[in-house]
Amino acid sequence: MFHSEKNYLCFMTVNIRKGAQVDLPVILDLIKELAEYEKAINEVTITLKELEEDGFGEHPCYWFIVAEVDGEIVGMSFYFIRYSTWKGRFLFLEDFIVKESYRGKGVGSQLFEETVRIAQQMDVNGMIWQVLDWNLPAINFYKKYEAHLDDQWLNGKLVKKQITNFRFNESL
C-alpha cells in the first residue's frame, strides 16, 4: 500500500536529545544550510575545531540539542546564556534550523518547545533570538507562540578583522 508523505509523517518518530561533540560535523553542515538560506554562506568562517573547543572545552560557550529521525540529525537548536544588566540571565537562541525536507512536519515545533523547556529548567528570565525581517516562514512560526518580535532595536557588531585592526584613541 502506498503512503503519501503526509500520511508517513503520522508515523515519523522524532527524537530530541542533547547535542554531543560527535554531532559537530552535522551541526556545521546545518549552520551552512541556514547561512545559504539567509543568502550569507560566505559569512560562515567558523571551523569544526573552533566549535569543538568553544562547546566542549573547559568553559563551554554554547550548548545545542538535535532532532533526529531514524538516527539522522534533521534539525538543531543552538543556544547560550546572555546576560542583561536590566533583566539578568536570558537563553539566547543563536541558531534554529530544520533541514528543508523536514520543514512543516512538526520537527521545528518539537525542537522549539524543548528549547523553551530548557529555558524553564535553567530558570532564566526570558528567551530571545533574532529573525531576518524577510524570513516570513520563521516569523509566522514564532507568531504561533505569541512571541514578541521587536522592530525598534538595531543590531550592531564589529567583526574579528575590525577588532584586530582597531586603532585606539591615544588621547583618552
N, C-alpha and C. Protein backbone atom coordinates (compact mmCIF):
# COMPACT_ATOMS: atom_id res chain seq x y z
N MET A 1 0.84 -1.19 0.00
CA MET A 1 0.00 0.00 0.00
C MET A 1 0.88 1.24 0.00
N PHE A 2 0.57 2.19 -0.84
CA PHE A 2 1.32 3.43 -0.95
C PHE A 2 0.86 4.42 0.12
N HIS A 3 1.81 5.03 0.81
CA HIS A 3 1.50 6.08 1.79
C HIS A 3 2.04 7.40 1.26
N SER A 4 1.22 8.41 1.28
CA SER A 4 1.72 9.73 0.90
C SER A 4 2.69 10.20 1.96
N GLU A 5 3.50 11.20 1.61
CA GLU A 5 4.46 11.74 2.58
C GLU A 5 3.73 12.25 3.82
N LYS A 6 2.59 12.88 3.63
CA LYS A 6 1.84 13.42 4.75
C LYS A 6 1.38 12.31 5.68
N ASN A 7 0.90 11.19 5.11
CA ASN A 7 0.49 10.07 5.95
C ASN A 7 1.69 9.45 6.65
N TYR A 8 2.80 9.40 5.98
CA TYR A 8 4.02 8.84 6.57
C TYR A 8 4.39 9.63 7.83
N LEU A 9 4.17 10.93 7.79
CA LEU A 9 4.57 11.78 8.92
C LEU A 9 3.84 11.41 10.19
N CYS A 10 2.65 10.85 10.07
CA CYS A 10 1.92 10.43 11.25
C CYS A 10 2.70 9.36 12.01
N PHE A 11 3.55 8.63 11.27
CA PHE A 11 4.31 7.53 11.87
C PHE A 11 5.77 7.90 12.13
N MET A 12 6.16 9.11 11.76
CA MET A 12 7.54 9.55 11.93
C MET A 12 7.81 9.82 13.41
N THR A 13 8.86 9.23 13.94
CA THR A 13 9.24 9.47 15.32
C THR A 13 10.43 10.41 15.33
N VAL A 14 10.27 11.51 16.06
CA VAL A 14 11.35 12.49 16.19
C VAL A 14 11.93 12.34 17.58
N ASN A 15 13.23 12.15 17.64
CA ASN A 15 13.94 12.06 18.91
C ASN A 15 14.69 13.36 19.14
N ILE A 16 14.40 14.04 20.24
CA ILE A 16 15.12 15.26 20.60
C ILE A 16 16.10 14.89 21.70
N ARG A 17 17.36 15.25 21.52
CA ARG A 17 18.37 14.91 22.52
C ARG A 17 19.42 16.00 22.62
N LYS A 18 20.17 15.96 23.71
CA LYS A 18 21.29 16.88 23.92
C LYS A 18 22.34 16.60 22.85
N GLY A 19 22.91 17.67 22.32
CA GLY A 19 23.96 17.52 21.31
C GLY A 19 25.26 17.05 21.92
N ALA A 20 26.04 16.31 21.15
CA ALA A 20 27.33 15.79 21.58
C ALA A 20 28.41 16.24 20.62
N GLN A 21 29.65 16.16 21.08
CA GLN A 21 30.77 16.59 20.26
C GLN A 21 30.81 15.84 18.93
N VAL A 22 30.46 14.59 18.92
CA VAL A 22 30.47 13.79 17.69
C VAL A 22 29.47 14.31 16.66
N ASP A 23 28.49 15.10 17.10
CA ASP A 23 27.48 15.67 16.20
C ASP A 23 27.98 16.90 15.44
N LEU A 24 29.11 17.47 15.84
CA LEU A 24 29.52 18.77 15.32
C LEU A 24 29.70 18.84 13.80
N PRO A 25 30.20 17.81 13.12
CA PRO A 25 30.26 17.93 11.64
C PRO A 25 28.88 18.16 11.02
N VAL A 26 27.85 17.48 11.53
CA VAL A 26 26.49 17.68 11.02
C VAL A 26 25.98 19.06 11.42
N ILE A 27 26.32 19.49 12.63
CA ILE A 27 25.91 20.82 13.10
C ILE A 27 26.51 21.90 12.20
N LEU A 28 27.77 21.74 11.83
CA LEU A 28 28.41 22.70 10.93
C LEU A 28 27.70 22.70 9.57
N ASP A 29 27.30 21.54 9.09
CA ASP A 29 26.54 21.48 7.83
C ASP A 29 25.21 22.22 7.97
N LEU A 30 24.53 22.05 9.09
CA LEU A 30 23.25 22.75 9.32
C LEU A 30 23.46 24.26 9.41
N ILE A 31 24.54 24.68 10.06
CA ILE A 31 24.87 26.11 10.13
C ILE A 31 25.03 26.66 8.71
N LYS A 32 25.73 25.91 7.88
CA LYS A 32 25.94 26.35 6.49
C LYS A 32 24.64 26.33 5.70
N GLU A 33 23.78 25.35 5.95
CA GLU A 33 22.48 25.32 5.26
C GLU A 33 21.66 26.56 5.63
N LEU A 34 21.68 26.93 6.90
CA LEU A 34 20.96 28.13 7.34
C LEU A 34 21.56 29.37 6.68
N ALA A 35 22.89 29.46 6.67
CA ALA A 35 23.56 30.62 6.07
C ALA A 35 23.24 30.71 4.58
N GLU A 36 23.17 29.59 3.91
CA GLU A 36 22.82 29.59 2.50
C GLU A 36 21.38 30.09 2.31
N TYR A 37 20.47 29.61 3.14
CA TYR A 37 19.08 30.06 3.09
C TYR A 37 18.99 31.57 3.32
N GLU A 38 19.83 32.08 4.22
CA GLU A 38 19.84 33.51 4.54
C GLU A 38 20.70 34.32 3.58
N LYS A 39 21.17 33.67 2.51
CA LYS A 39 21.97 34.31 1.47
C LYS A 39 23.27 34.91 2.03
N ALA A 40 23.90 34.19 2.96
CA ALA A 40 25.11 34.69 3.61
C ALA A 40 26.13 33.57 3.82
N ILE A 41 26.19 32.61 2.92
CA ILE A 41 27.09 31.47 3.09
C ILE A 41 28.54 31.91 3.22
N ASN A 42 28.93 33.01 2.57
CA ASN A 42 30.31 33.49 2.67
C ASN A 42 30.65 34.05 4.04
N GLU A 43 29.64 34.28 4.87
CA GLU A 43 29.86 34.80 6.21
C GLU A 43 30.28 33.70 7.21
N VAL A 44 30.08 32.44 6.86
CA VAL A 44 30.42 31.35 7.76
C VAL A 44 31.93 31.12 7.73
N THR A 45 32.59 31.47 8.83
CA THR A 45 34.04 31.28 8.92
C THR A 45 34.41 30.33 10.06
N ILE A 46 33.44 29.92 10.86
CA ILE A 46 33.70 29.03 11.99
C ILE A 46 34.24 27.70 11.47
N THR A 47 35.15 27.11 12.21
CA THR A 47 35.71 25.82 11.85
C THR A 47 35.21 24.76 12.82
N LEU A 48 35.35 23.52 12.42
CA LEU A 48 35.00 22.41 13.28
C LEU A 48 35.84 22.45 14.56
N LYS A 49 37.10 22.78 14.43
CA LYS A 49 37.99 22.87 15.59
C LYS A 49 37.50 23.93 16.58
N GLU A 50 37.09 25.09 16.07
CA GLU A 50 36.58 26.14 16.95
C GLU A 50 35.30 25.69 17.66
N LEU A 51 34.41 25.04 16.91
CA LEU A 51 33.19 24.53 17.53
C LEU A 51 33.52 23.53 18.64
N GLU A 52 34.49 22.67 18.39
CA GLU A 52 34.89 21.68 19.40
C GLU A 52 35.44 22.37 20.64
N GLU A 53 36.37 23.31 20.45
CA GLU A 53 36.99 24.00 21.58
C GLU A 53 35.98 24.85 22.34
N ASP A 54 35.13 25.57 21.62
CA ASP A 54 34.21 26.51 22.26
C ASP A 54 33.02 25.83 22.93
N GLY A 55 32.66 24.65 22.44
CA GLY A 55 31.49 23.98 23.01
C GLY A 55 31.83 22.85 23.95
N PHE A 56 33.04 22.33 23.85
CA PHE A 56 33.37 21.15 24.64
C PHE A 56 34.70 21.29 25.37
N GLY A 57 35.16 22.53 25.51
CA GLY A 57 36.37 22.79 26.27
C GLY A 57 36.05 22.93 27.76
N GLU A 58 36.97 23.51 28.48
CA GLU A 58 36.83 23.67 29.94
C GLU A 58 35.64 24.56 30.31
N HIS A 59 35.41 25.61 29.53
CA HIS A 59 34.30 26.54 29.79
C HIS A 59 33.44 26.66 28.53
N PRO A 60 32.47 25.77 28.35
CA PRO A 60 31.65 25.81 27.13
C PRO A 60 30.96 27.16 26.95
N CYS A 61 30.97 27.64 25.72
CA CYS A 61 30.33 28.92 25.37
C CYS A 61 28.92 28.71 24.84
N TYR A 62 28.54 27.49 24.52
CA TYR A 62 27.24 27.22 23.94
C TYR A 62 26.84 25.78 24.23
N TRP A 63 25.56 25.49 23.95
CA TRP A 63 25.01 24.14 24.01
C TRP A 63 24.07 23.99 22.81
N PHE A 64 23.69 22.77 22.52
CA PHE A 64 22.72 22.56 21.46
C PHE A 64 21.96 21.26 21.70
N ILE A 65 20.78 21.21 21.12
CA ILE A 65 20.00 19.99 21.09
C ILE A 65 19.75 19.66 19.62
N VAL A 66 19.52 18.39 19.36
CA VAL A 66 19.28 17.97 17.98
C VAL A 66 17.96 17.22 17.89
N ALA A 67 17.39 17.25 16.70
CA ALA A 67 16.22 16.43 16.36
C ALA A 67 16.71 15.36 15.40
N GLU A 68 16.36 14.12 15.71
CA GLU A 68 16.75 13.00 14.87
C GLU A 68 15.51 12.27 14.37
N VAL A 69 15.58 11.80 13.14
CA VAL A 69 14.58 10.91 12.57
C VAL A 69 15.34 9.72 12.01
N ASP A 70 15.01 8.54 12.49
CA ASP A 70 15.70 7.31 12.06
C ASP A 70 17.21 7.43 12.20
N GLY A 71 17.67 8.06 13.29
CA GLY A 71 19.10 8.19 13.56
C GLY A 71 19.79 9.30 12.81
N GLU A 72 19.08 10.01 11.94
CA GLU A 72 19.66 11.11 11.17
C GLU A 72 19.31 12.44 11.83
N ILE A 73 20.32 13.29 12.04
CA ILE A 73 20.07 14.62 12.58
C ILE A 73 19.41 15.46 11.50
N VAL A 74 18.20 15.96 11.80
CA VAL A 74 17.44 16.73 10.81
C VAL A 74 17.18 18.16 11.26
N GLY A 75 17.65 18.51 12.46
CA GLY A 75 17.47 19.87 12.95
C GLY A 75 18.25 20.08 14.23
N MET A 76 18.39 21.34 14.59
CA MET A 76 19.10 21.67 15.82
C MET A 76 18.64 23.02 16.37
N SER A 77 18.83 23.16 17.66
CA SER A 77 18.62 24.41 18.38
C SER A 77 19.93 24.69 19.11
N PHE A 78 20.55 25.81 18.82
CA PHE A 78 21.90 26.16 19.28
C PHE A 78 21.76 27.39 20.16
N TYR A 79 22.17 27.32 21.44
CA TYR A 79 21.88 28.40 22.37
C TYR A 79 23.02 28.63 23.36
N PHE A 80 22.94 29.78 24.04
CA PHE A 80 23.88 30.12 25.10
C PHE A 80 23.18 31.08 26.06
N ILE A 81 23.86 31.42 27.14
CA ILE A 81 23.29 32.36 28.11
C ILE A 81 23.80 33.76 27.80
N ARG A 82 22.89 34.68 27.71
CA ARG A 82 23.18 36.10 27.53
C ARG A 82 22.75 36.81 28.80
N TYR A 83 23.51 37.78 29.21
CA TYR A 83 23.20 38.48 30.46
C TYR A 83 22.77 39.91 30.18
N SER A 84 21.62 40.27 30.70
CA SER A 84 21.10 41.63 30.58
C SER A 84 21.32 42.36 31.89
N THR A 85 21.91 43.54 31.82
CA THR A 85 22.10 44.31 33.06
C THR A 85 20.76 44.77 33.63
N TRP A 86 19.73 44.78 32.82
CA TRP A 86 18.40 45.19 33.29
C TRP A 86 17.58 44.02 33.80
N LYS A 87 17.76 42.84 33.19
CA LYS A 87 16.86 41.72 33.48
C LYS A 87 17.54 40.45 33.99
N GLY A 88 18.87 40.33 33.84
CA GLY A 88 19.55 39.12 34.27
C GLY A 88 19.76 38.13 33.14
N ARG A 89 19.70 36.85 33.47
CA ARG A 89 20.03 35.78 32.52
C ARG A 89 18.91 35.50 31.53
N PHE A 90 19.30 35.39 30.25
CA PHE A 90 18.39 35.02 29.17
C PHE A 90 19.01 33.88 28.38
N LEU A 91 18.18 32.98 27.91
CA LEU A 91 18.65 31.99 26.95
C LEU A 91 18.59 32.66 25.58
N PHE A 92 19.72 32.71 24.90
CA PHE A 92 19.78 33.30 23.56
C PHE A 92 19.81 32.15 22.56
N LEU A 93 18.77 32.08 21.74
CA LEU A 93 18.68 31.06 20.69
C LEU A 93 19.44 31.59 19.47
N GLU A 94 20.66 31.14 19.32
CA GLU A 94 21.54 31.65 18.27
C GLU A 94 21.13 31.13 16.89
N ASP A 95 20.96 29.84 16.78
CA ASP A 95 20.54 29.25 15.51
C ASP A 95 19.49 28.18 15.77
N PHE A 96 18.53 28.15 14.90
CA PHE A 96 17.42 27.20 14.99
C PHE A 96 17.11 26.80 13.56
N ILE A 97 17.37 25.55 13.22
CA ILE A 97 17.18 25.13 11.83
C ILE A 97 16.69 23.69 11.76
N VAL A 98 15.83 23.46 10.79
CA VAL A 98 15.38 22.13 10.43
C VAL A 98 15.70 21.97 8.95
N LYS A 99 16.25 20.83 8.59
CA LYS A 99 16.56 20.58 7.17
C LYS A 99 15.31 20.83 6.34
N GLU A 100 15.53 21.38 5.16
CA GLU A 100 14.42 21.79 4.30
C GLU A 100 13.40 20.67 4.08
N SER A 101 13.87 19.45 3.87
CA SER A 101 12.94 18.35 3.57
C SER A 101 12.09 17.95 4.78
N TYR A 102 12.41 18.46 5.97
CA TYR A 102 11.64 18.13 7.18
C TYR A 102 10.84 19.32 7.71
N ARG A 103 10.90 20.45 7.02
CA ARG A 103 10.15 21.62 7.47
C ARG A 103 8.66 21.41 7.26
N GLY A 104 7.87 21.99 8.15
CA GLY A 104 6.42 21.88 8.05
C GLY A 104 5.88 20.55 8.53
N LYS A 105 6.70 19.76 9.20
CA LYS A 105 6.30 18.42 9.63
C LYS A 105 6.30 18.26 11.14
N GLY A 106 6.41 19.38 11.86
CA GLY A 106 6.35 19.32 13.32
C GLY A 106 7.69 19.20 14.01
N VAL A 107 8.76 19.00 13.27
CA VAL A 107 10.09 18.86 13.87
C VAL A 107 10.49 20.16 14.56
N GLY A 108 10.28 21.28 13.87
CA GLY A 108 10.64 22.59 14.44
C GLY A 108 9.89 22.87 15.72
N SER A 109 8.62 22.55 15.75
CA SER A 109 7.83 22.77 16.97
C SER A 109 8.38 21.97 18.13
N GLN A 110 8.74 20.72 17.87
CA GLN A 110 9.30 19.89 18.94
C GLN A 110 10.63 20.45 19.43
N LEU A 111 11.47 20.89 18.50
CA LEU A 111 12.77 21.47 18.89
C LEU A 111 12.58 22.76 19.68
N PHE A 112 11.70 23.63 19.19
CA PHE A 112 11.48 24.91 19.85
C PHE A 112 10.91 24.71 21.25
N GLU A 113 9.93 23.82 21.36
CA GLU A 113 9.32 23.57 22.66
C GLU A 113 10.31 22.95 23.64
N GLU A 114 11.21 22.11 23.15
CA GLU A 114 12.24 21.56 24.05
C GLU A 114 13.21 22.67 24.47
N THR A 115 13.48 23.61 23.60
CA THR A 115 14.33 24.75 23.96
C THR A 115 13.65 25.59 25.04
N VAL A 116 12.35 25.79 24.92
CA VAL A 116 11.60 26.51 25.97
C VAL A 116 11.68 25.73 27.29
N ARG A 117 11.57 24.41 27.21
CA ARG A 117 11.67 23.57 28.42
C ARG A 117 13.05 23.75 29.08
N ILE A 118 14.08 23.82 28.27
CA ILE A 118 15.44 24.03 28.79
C ILE A 118 15.52 25.40 29.47
N ALA A 119 14.91 26.41 28.85
CA ALA A 119 14.89 27.75 29.46
C ALA A 119 14.18 27.70 30.82
N GLN A 120 13.09 26.94 30.90
CA GLN A 120 12.40 26.77 32.18
C GLN A 120 13.31 26.12 33.21
N GLN A 121 13.99 25.05 32.80
CA GLN A 121 14.88 24.31 33.71
C GLN A 121 16.05 25.18 34.17
N MET A 122 16.52 26.06 33.30
CA MET A 122 17.63 26.95 33.66
C MET A 122 17.16 28.12 34.51
N ASP A 123 15.85 28.28 34.61
CA ASP A 123 15.24 29.36 35.39
C ASP A 123 15.75 30.73 34.94
N VAL A 124 15.79 30.91 33.61
CA VAL A 124 16.22 32.20 33.05
C VAL A 124 15.05 33.17 33.04
N ASN A 125 15.33 34.42 32.81
CA ASN A 125 14.31 35.47 32.83
C ASN A 125 13.67 35.71 31.47
N GLY A 126 14.08 34.95 30.48
CA GLY A 126 13.48 35.06 29.16
C GLY A 126 14.30 34.29 28.14
N MET A 127 13.76 34.24 26.94
CA MET A 127 14.42 33.57 25.82
C MET A 127 14.33 34.54 24.64
N ILE A 128 15.44 34.78 23.98
CA ILE A 128 15.48 35.74 22.88
C ILE A 128 16.20 35.14 21.68
N TRP A 129 15.90 35.71 20.53
CA TRP A 129 16.52 35.30 19.27
C TRP A 129 16.34 36.41 18.26
N GLN A 130 16.95 36.23 17.11
CA GLN A 130 16.81 37.17 16.02
C GLN A 130 16.22 36.44 14.82
N VAL A 131 15.48 37.18 14.02
CA VAL A 131 14.94 36.63 12.78
C VAL A 131 15.01 37.73 11.73
N LEU A 132 15.42 37.37 10.53
CA LEU A 132 15.50 38.35 9.46
C LEU A 132 14.10 38.83 9.08
N ASP A 133 13.99 40.11 8.78
CA ASP A 133 12.66 40.69 8.52
C ASP A 133 12.00 40.13 7.26
N TRP A 134 12.75 39.50 6.36
CA TRP A 134 12.17 38.93 5.15
C TRP A 134 11.83 37.45 5.30
N ASN A 135 12.20 36.85 6.42
CA ASN A 135 12.00 35.41 6.61
C ASN A 135 10.60 35.13 7.15
N LEU A 136 9.61 35.29 6.28
CA LEU A 136 8.21 35.15 6.69
C LEU A 136 7.85 33.78 7.25
N PRO A 137 8.39 32.68 6.72
CA PRO A 137 8.06 31.39 7.35
C PRO A 137 8.50 31.34 8.82
N ALA A 138 9.69 31.85 9.12
CA ALA A 138 10.17 31.86 10.51
C ALA A 138 9.35 32.83 11.36
N ILE A 139 9.05 34.00 10.83
CA ILE A 139 8.25 34.98 11.57
C ILE A 139 6.89 34.38 11.92
N ASN A 140 6.26 33.75 10.95
CA ASN A 140 4.95 33.13 11.21
C ASN A 140 5.06 31.98 12.20
N PHE A 141 6.16 31.23 12.16
CA PHE A 141 6.39 30.16 13.13
C PHE A 141 6.42 30.74 14.54
N TYR A 142 7.20 31.79 14.75
CA TYR A 142 7.32 32.39 16.08
C TYR A 142 6.02 33.04 16.53
N LYS A 143 5.26 33.57 15.60
CA LYS A 143 3.97 34.18 15.95
C LYS A 143 3.00 33.13 16.51
N LYS A 144 3.14 31.87 16.07
CA LYS A 144 2.31 30.79 16.61
C LYS A 144 2.46 30.69 18.12
N TYR A 145 3.63 31.07 18.61
CA TYR A 145 3.93 31.00 20.04
C TYR A 145 3.68 32.34 20.74
N GLU A 146 3.06 33.27 20.03
CA GLU A 146 2.77 34.60 20.55
C GLU A 146 4.05 35.33 20.98
N ALA A 147 5.14 35.07 20.26
CA ALA A 147 6.42 35.72 20.56
C ALA A 147 6.35 37.20 20.19
N HIS A 148 7.02 38.00 20.98
CA HIS A 148 7.14 39.44 20.69
C HIS A 148 8.30 39.61 19.72
N LEU A 149 8.03 40.20 18.57
CA LEU A 149 9.07 40.48 17.58
C LEU A 149 9.29 41.98 17.56
N ASP A 150 10.45 42.40 18.00
CA ASP A 150 10.77 43.81 18.22
C ASP A 150 11.21 44.48 16.93
N ASP A 151 10.65 45.63 16.63
CA ASP A 151 11.07 46.37 15.44
C ASP A 151 11.78 47.67 15.79
N GLN A 152 12.16 47.83 17.07
CA GLN A 152 12.81 49.07 17.50
C GLN A 152 14.32 48.97 17.60
N TRP A 153 14.85 47.79 17.91
CA TRP A 153 16.27 47.65 18.14
C TRP A 153 17.00 47.27 16.86
N LEU A 154 18.15 47.87 16.65
CA LEU A 154 19.03 47.53 15.53
C LEU A 154 20.20 46.73 16.08
N ASN A 155 20.72 45.82 15.29
CA ASN A 155 21.87 45.02 15.71
C ASN A 155 23.15 45.74 15.33
N GLY A 156 24.10 45.78 16.23
CA GLY A 156 25.41 46.35 15.95
C GLY A 156 26.47 45.28 16.15
N LYS A 157 27.57 45.37 15.42
CA LYS A 157 28.64 44.41 15.61
C LYS A 157 29.94 44.93 15.02
N LEU A 158 31.03 44.43 15.55
CA LEU A 158 32.36 44.56 14.97
C LEU A 158 32.83 43.13 14.69
N VAL A 159 33.37 42.87 13.52
CA VAL A 159 33.88 41.54 13.21
C VAL A 159 35.34 41.45 13.63
N LYS A 160 35.86 40.24 13.64
CA LYS A 160 37.23 40.00 14.13
C LYS A 160 38.25 40.91 13.46
N LYS A 161 38.17 41.06 12.15
CA LYS A 161 39.12 41.91 11.42
C LYS A 161 39.07 43.35 11.95
N GLN A 162 37.88 43.85 12.20
CA GLN A 162 37.74 45.21 12.73
C GLN A 162 38.34 45.32 14.13
N ILE A 163 38.12 44.31 14.95
CA ILE A 163 38.67 44.33 16.31
C ILE A 163 40.19 44.25 16.27
N THR A 164 40.71 43.34 15.43
CA THR A 164 42.16 43.17 15.31
C THR A 164 42.83 44.45 14.82
N ASN A 165 42.22 45.12 13.88
CA ASN A 165 42.81 46.32 13.28
C ASN A 165 42.36 47.62 13.94
N PHE A 166 41.68 47.52 15.06
CA PHE A 166 41.14 48.71 15.72
C PHE A 166 42.27 49.65 16.16
N ARG A 167 42.11 50.92 15.89
CA ARG A 167 43.08 51.93 16.32
C ARG A 167 42.49 52.69 17.50
N PHE A 168 43.14 52.55 18.65
CA PHE A 168 42.66 53.20 19.86
C PHE A 168 43.01 54.67 19.85
N ASN A 169 42.15 55.45 20.41
CA ASN A 169 42.37 56.88 20.55
C ASN A 169 43.34 57.09 21.71
N GLU A 170 44.57 57.39 21.38
CA GLU A 170 45.63 57.53 22.40
C GLU A 170 45.45 58.75 23.29
N SER A 171 44.60 59.69 22.90
CA SER A 171 44.41 60.90 23.70
C SER A 171 43.47 60.71 24.88
N LEU A 172 42.86 59.51 25.00
CA LEU A 172 41.92 59.27 26.10
C LEU A 172 42.64 58.99 27.40
